Amino acid sequence: MSKDAENTAHPDKSGPNGQRAKPSPRRWLKGFLAIIVVLFAYGLFTRALRDQPKPTDAAGLTEVAFSMTDEAVLAGEKIYWESCSTCHGDALEGGIGPSFLDDNWTHGADPETVVRIITDGVPENGMLAWESILTEEQIRHVAAYVLRTNQDAVSQ
């Protein structure tokens, strides 16, 4: 067999000049393994942060910095229209999701509960968790809008 035929028969064993191919440097392998270790550690770290309990007050309730100012309610109305009205109705009258215009709230109508429900969602009823979509401030604004509108509707 000629040398040319031998080179084409085993291209992985020799280079274009008949030289043997060099294996990848060990540092590449070490670098690749280091990246895998770092990504694994990062995944563990972020999971640990996500699973930490939220700060609680003396009564065991989640602390919620909450303000129902007119500015918060107006900001919440805009976010509600963009994100919530599809399921809860344009005027909070309900639809796929429950109405917010009455006193019959399944999970509670206090600010902490409303913020928690918006944040965590109600997966068994099809409500998304908005935690990864809206900021904490936006969630508080939506809660302010929903609670203020509910107060106005119930007091009439």
C-alpha atoms as a PDB file:
ATOM      1  CA  MET A   1       0.000   0.000   0.000  1.00  0.00           C
ATOM      2  CA  SER A   2       1.371   3.427  -0.863  1.00  0.00           C
ATOM      3  CA  LYS A   3       2.026   6.093   1.712  1.00  0.00           C
ATOM      4  CA  ASP A   4      -0.741   8.291   0.211  1.00  0.00           C
ATOM      5  CA  ALA A   5      -3.293   5.495   0.466  1.00  0.00           C
ATOM      6  CA  GLU A   6      -2.202   4.886   4.033  1.00  0.00           C
ATOM      7  CA  ASN A   7      -2.779   8.559   4.951  1.00  0.00           C
ATOM      8  CA  THR A   8      -6.263   8.609   3.456  1.00  0.00           C
ATOM      9  CA  ALA A   9      -7.182   5.314   5.066  1.00  0.00           C
ATOM     10  CA  HIS A  10      -6.526   6.699   8.552  1.00  0.00           C
ATOM     11  CA  PRO A  11      -6.981  10.482   8.461  1.00  0.00           C
ATOM     12  CA  ASP A  12      -7.324  10.676  12.246  1.00  0.00           C
ATOM     13  CA  LYS A  13      -3.813   9.271  12.797  1.00  0.00           C
ATOM     14  CA  SER A  14      -1.793  11.541  10.574  1.00  0.00           C
ATOM     15  CA  GLY A  15      -1.758  15.138   9.441  1.00  0.00           C
ATOM     16  CA  PRO A  16      -1.362  16.539   5.923  1.00  0.00           C
ATOM     17  CA  ASN A  17       2.438  16.097   5.973  1.00  0.00           C
ATOM     18  CA  GLY A  18       2.301  12.544   7.263  1.00  0.00           C
ATOM     19  CA  GLN A  19       2.855  13.662  10.861  1.00  0.00           C
ATOM     20  CA  ARG A  20       0.895  12.116  13.657  1.00  0.00           C
ATOM     21  CA  ALA A  21      -1.901  14.296  14.986  1.00  0.00           C
ATOM     22  CA  LYS A  22      -1.262  15.747  18.428  1.00  0.00           C
ATOM     23  CA  PRO A  23      -3.841  15.159  21.138  1.00  0.00           C
ATOM     24  CA  SER A  24      -5.622  18.218  22.565  1.00  0.00           C
ATOM     25  CA  PRO A  25      -3.571  19.922  25.249  1.00  0.00           C
ATOM     26  CA  ARG A  26      -4.317  18.819  28.798  1.00  0.00           C
ATOM     27  CA  ARG A  27      -4.987  22.394  29.801  1.00  0.00           C
ATOM     28  CA  TRP A  28      -8.048  22.434  27.541  1.00  0.00           C
ATOM     29  CA  LEU A  29      -9.426  19.422  29.330  1.00  0.00           C
ATOM     30  CA  LYS A  30      -8.616  20.966  32.715  1.00  0.00           C
ATOM     31  CA  GLY A  31     -10.271  24.228  31.643  1.00  0.00           C
ATOM     32  CA  PHE A  32     -13.358  22.399  30.458  1.00  0.00           C
ATOM     33  CA  LEU A  33     -13.615  20.508  33.748  1.00  0.00           C
ATOM     34  CA  ALA A  34     -13.099  23.728  35.709  1.00  0.00           C
ATOM     35  CA  ILE A  35     -15.978  25.366  33.816  1.00  0.00           C
ATOM     36  CA  ILE A  36     -18.244  22.415  34.600  1.00  0.00           C
ATOM     37  CA  VAL A  37     -17.340  22.610  38.317  1.00  0.00           C
ATOM     38  CA  VAL A  38     -17.966  26.386  38.404  1.00  0.00           C
ATOM     39  CA  LEU A  39     -21.344  26.046  36.665  1.00  0.00           C
ATOM     40  CA  PHE A  40     -22.381  23.275  39.033  1.00  0.00           C
ATOM     41  CA  ALA A  41     -21.373  25.359  42.077  1.00  0.00           C
ATOM     42  CA  TYR A  42     -23.223  28.374  40.653  1.00  0.00           C
ATOM     43  CA  GLY A  43     -26.364  26.259  40.210  1.00  0.00           C
ATOM     44  CA  LEU A  44     -26.180  25.043  43.805  1.00  0.00           C
ATOM     45  CA  PHE A  45     -25.577  28.567  45.102  1.00  0.00           C
ATOM     46  CA  THR A  46     -28.492  30.144  43.222  1.00  0.00           C
ATOM     47  CA  ARG A  47     -30.799  27.326  44.260  1.00  0.00           C
ATOM     48  CA  ALA A  48     -29.819  27.808  47.900  1.00  0.00           C
ATOM     49  CA  LEU A  49     -30.549  31.537  47.628  1.00  0.00           C
ATOM     50  CA  ARG A  50     -33.932  30.909  46.012  1.00  0.00           C
ATOM     51  CA  ASP A  51     -34.910  28.369  48.673  1.00  0.00           C
ATOM     52  CA  GLN A  52     -34.079  30.641  51.626  1.00  0.00           C
ATOM     53  CA  PRO A  53     -37.098  31.553  53.726  1.00  0.00           C
ATOM     54  CA  LYS A  54     -38.323  35.112  53.364  1.00  0.00           C
ATOM     55  CA  PRO A  55     -37.826  37.425  56.365  1.00  0.00           C
ATOM     56  CA  THR A  56     -40.675  37.266  58.845  1.00  0.00           C
ATOM     57  CA  ASP A  57     -41.936  39.562  61.540  1.00  0.00           C
ATOM     58  CA  ALA A  58     -42.698  38.585  65.151  1.00  0.00           C
ATOM     59  CA  ALA A  59     -46.108  37.160  64.225  1.00  0.00           C
ATOM     60  CA  GLY A  60     -44.541  34.905  61.583  1.00  0.00           C
ATOM     61  CA  LEU A  61     -45.980  36.815  58.635  1.00  0.00           C
ATOM     62  CA  THR A  62     -43.849  37.749  55.663  1.00  0.00           C
ATOM     63  CA  GLU A  63     -42.757  41.356  55.848  1.00  0.00           C
ATOM     64  CA  VAL A  64     -44.213  43.368  53.015  1.00  0.00           C
ATOM     65  CA  ALA A  65     -43.216  46.960  52.481  1.00  0.00           C
ATOM     66  CA  PHE A  66     -46.583  48.077  51.213  1.00  0.00           C
ATOM     67  CA  SER A  67     -48.019  51.449  50.379  1.00  0.00           C
ATOM     68  CA  MET A  68     -51.389  52.202  48.793  1.00  0.00           C
ATOM     69  CA  THR A  69     -50.492  55.681  47.616  1.00  0.00           C
ATOM     70  CA  ASP A  70     -52.283  57.142  44.611  1.00  0.00           C
ATOM     71  CA  GLU A  71     -49.046  56.776  42.603  1.00  0.00           C
ATOM     72  CA  ALA A  72     -48.760  53.087  43.506  1.00  0.00           C
ATOM     73  CA  VAL A  73     -52.408  52.481  42.599  1.00  0.00           C
ATOM     74  CA  LEU A  74     -52.026  54.226  39.202  1.00  0.00           C
ATOM     75  CA  ALA A  75     -48.840  52.293  38.434  1.00  0.00           C
ATOM     76  CA  GLY A  76     -50.594  49.085  39.509  1.00  0.00           C
ATOM     77  CA  GLU A  77     -53.556  49.795  37.230  1.00  0.00           C
ATOM     78  CA  LYS A  78     -51.275  50.006  34.180  1.00  0.00           C
ATOM     79  CA  ILE A  79     -49.524  46.746  35.087  1.00  0.00           C
ATOM     80  CA  TYR A  80     -52.877  45.084  35.831  1.00  0.00           C
ATOM     81  CA  TRP A  81     -54.163  46.027  32.368  1.00  0.00           C
ATOM     82  CA  GLU A  82     -51.035  44.645  30.715  1.00  0.00           C
ATOM     83  CA  SER A  83     -50.671  41.447  32.744  1.00  0.00           C
ATOM     84  CA  CYS A  84     -53.794  40.510  34.713  1.00  0.00           C
ATOM     85  CA  SER A  85     -56.908  41.714  32.905  1.00  0.00           C
ATOM     86  CA  THR A  86     -56.935  38.775  30.491  1.00  0.00           C
ATOM     87  CA  CYS A  87     -57.870  36.404  33.313  1.00  0.00           C
ATOM     88  CA  HIS A  88     -59.411  38.692  35.943  1.00  0.00           C
ATOM     89  CA  GLY A  89     -61.349  41.011  33.617  1.00  0.00           C
ATOM     90  CA  ASP A  90     -60.838  44.604  32.533  1.00  0.00           C
ATOM     91  CA  ALA A  91     -62.812  45.924  35.510  1.00  0.00           C
ATOM     92  CA  LEU A  92     -61.632  43.201  37.954  1.00  0.00           C
ATOM     93  CA  GLU A  93     -65.021  41.465  37.502  1.00  0.00           C
ATOM     94  CA  GLY A  94     -63.459  38.042  36.984  1.00  0.00           C
ATOM     95  CA  GLY A  95     -63.412  35.637  34.106  1.00  0.00           C
ATOM     96  CA  ILE A  96     -60.969  32.776  34.054  1.00  0.00           C
ATOM     97  CA  GLY A  97     -59.711  34.077  37.407  1.00  0.00           C
ATOM     98  CA  PRO A  98     -61.891  35.237  40.306  1.00  0.00           C
ATOM     99  CA  SER A  99     -63.487  38.660  40.702  1.00  0.00           C
ATOM    100  CA  PHE A 100     -61.894  41.218  42.999  1.00  0.00           C
ATOM    101  CA  LEU A 101     -65.069  43.257  43.423  1.00  0.00           C
ATOM    102  CA  ASP A 102     -66.577  41.344  46.348  1.00  0.00           C
ATOM    103  CA  ASP A 103     -65.686  40.138  49.844  1.00  0.00           C
ATOM    104  CA  ASN A 104     -65.367  36.492  48.795  1.00  0.00           C
ATOM    105  CA  TRP A 105     -61.604  36.009  48.369  1.00  0.00           C
ATOM    106  CA  THR A 106     -60.441  32.395  48.521  1.00  0.00           C
ATOM    107  CA  HIS A 107     -56.926  33.087  49.791  1.00  0.00           C
ATOM    108  CA  GLY A 108     -57.496  36.260  51.815  1.00  0.00           C
ATOM    109  CA  ALA A 109     -57.620  39.973  51.081  1.00  0.00           C
ATOM    110  CA  ASP A 110     -54.901  41.360  53.352  1.00  0.00           C
ATOM    111  CA  PRO A 111     -51.926  43.047  51.633  1.00  0.00           C
ATOM    112  CA  GLU A 112     -49.396  40.344  52.584  1.00  0.00           C
ATOM    113  CA  THR A 113     -51.574  37.561  51.179  1.00  0.00           C
ATOM    114  CA  VAL A 114     -52.346  39.427  47.955  1.00  0.00           C
ATOM    115  CA  VAL A 115     -48.636  40.123  47.386  1.00  0.00           C
ATOM    116  CA  ARG A 116     -47.800  36.466  48.116  1.00  0.00           C
ATOM    117  CA  ILE A 117     -50.483  35.194  45.722  1.00  0.00           C
ATOM    118  CA  ILE A 118     -49.277  37.479  42.922  1.00  0.00           C
ATOM    119  CA  THR A 119     -45.653  36.525  43.622  1.00  0.00           C
ATOM    120  CA  ASP A 120     -46.096  32.747  43.946  1.00  0.00           C
ATOM    121  CA  GLY A 121     -49.236  32.281  41.852  1.00  0.00           C
ATOM    122  CA  VAL A 122     -51.803  29.545  42.365  1.00  0.00           C
ATOM    123  CA  PRO A 123     -50.569  26.775  40.044  1.00  0.00           C
ATOM    124  CA  GLU A 124     -53.419  24.392  40.864  1.00  0.00           C
ATOM    125  CA  ASN A 125     -55.883  27.023  39.599  1.00  0.00           C
ATOM    126  CA  GLY A 126     -53.783  28.020  36.599  1.00  0.00           C
ATOM    127  CA  MET A 127     -52.447  31.334  37.941  1.00  0.00           C
ATOM    128  CA  LEU A 128     -48.860  32.079  37.003  1.00  0.00           C
ATOM    129  CA  ALA A 129     -46.220  32.985  39.544  1.00  0.00           C
ATOM    130  CA  TRP A 130     -45.307  36.560  38.591  1.00  0.00           C
ATOM    131  CA  GLU A 131     -42.124  36.570  40.675  1.00  0.00           C
ATOM    132  CA  SER A 132     -39.866  36.050  37.657  1.00  0.00           C
ATOM    133  CA  ILE A 133     -41.859  38.391  35.401  1.00  0.00           C
ATOM    134  CA  LEU A 134     -42.597  41.454  37.547  1.00  0.00           C
ATOM    135  CA  THR A 135     -40.356  43.220  40.040  1.00  0.00           C
ATOM    136  CA  GLU A 136     -41.270  43.276  43.736  1.00  0.00           C
ATOM    137  CA  GLU A 137     -42.288  46.920  43.372  1.00  0.00           C
ATOM    138  CA  GLN A 138     -44.535  46.145  40.399  1.00  0.00           C
ATOM    139  CA  ILE A 139     -46.171  43.310  42.360  1.00  0.00           C
ATOM    140  CA  ARG A 140     -46.849  45.681  45.274  1.00  0.00           C
ATOM    141  CA  HIS A 141     -48.332  48.231  42.849  1.00  0.00           C
ATOM    142  CA  VAL A 142     -50.685  45.634  41.357  1.00  0.00           C
ATOM    143  CA  ALA A 143     -51.707  44.589  44.873  1.00  0.00           C
ATOM    144  CA  ALA A 144     -52.358  48.242  45.783  1.00  0.00           C
ATOM    145  CA  TYR A 145     -54.543  48.685  42.703  1.00  0.00           C
ATOM    146  CA  VAL A 146     -56.515  45.487  43.320  1.00  0.00           C
ATOM    147  CA  LEU A 147     -57.036  46.254  47.024  1.00  0.00           C
ATOM    148  CA  ARG A 148     -58.005  49.899  46.457  1.00  0.00           C
ATOM    149  CA  THR A 149     -60.455  48.951  43.691  1.00  0.00           C
ATOM    150  CA  ASN A 150     -61.902  46.246  45.933  1.00  0.00           C
ATOM    151  CA  GLN A 151     -62.340  48.726  48.807  1.00  0.00           C
ATOM    152  CA  ASP A 152     -64.110  51.151  46.498  1.00  0.00           C
ATOM    153  CA  ALA A 153     -66.411  48.433  45.099  1.00  0.00           C
ATOM    154  CA  VAL A 154     -67.298  46.909  48.474  1.00  0.00           C
ATOM    155  CA  SER A 155     -68.005  50.292  50.103  1.00  0.00           C
ATOM    156  CA  GLN A 156     -70.616  51.197  47.446  1.00  0.00           C
END
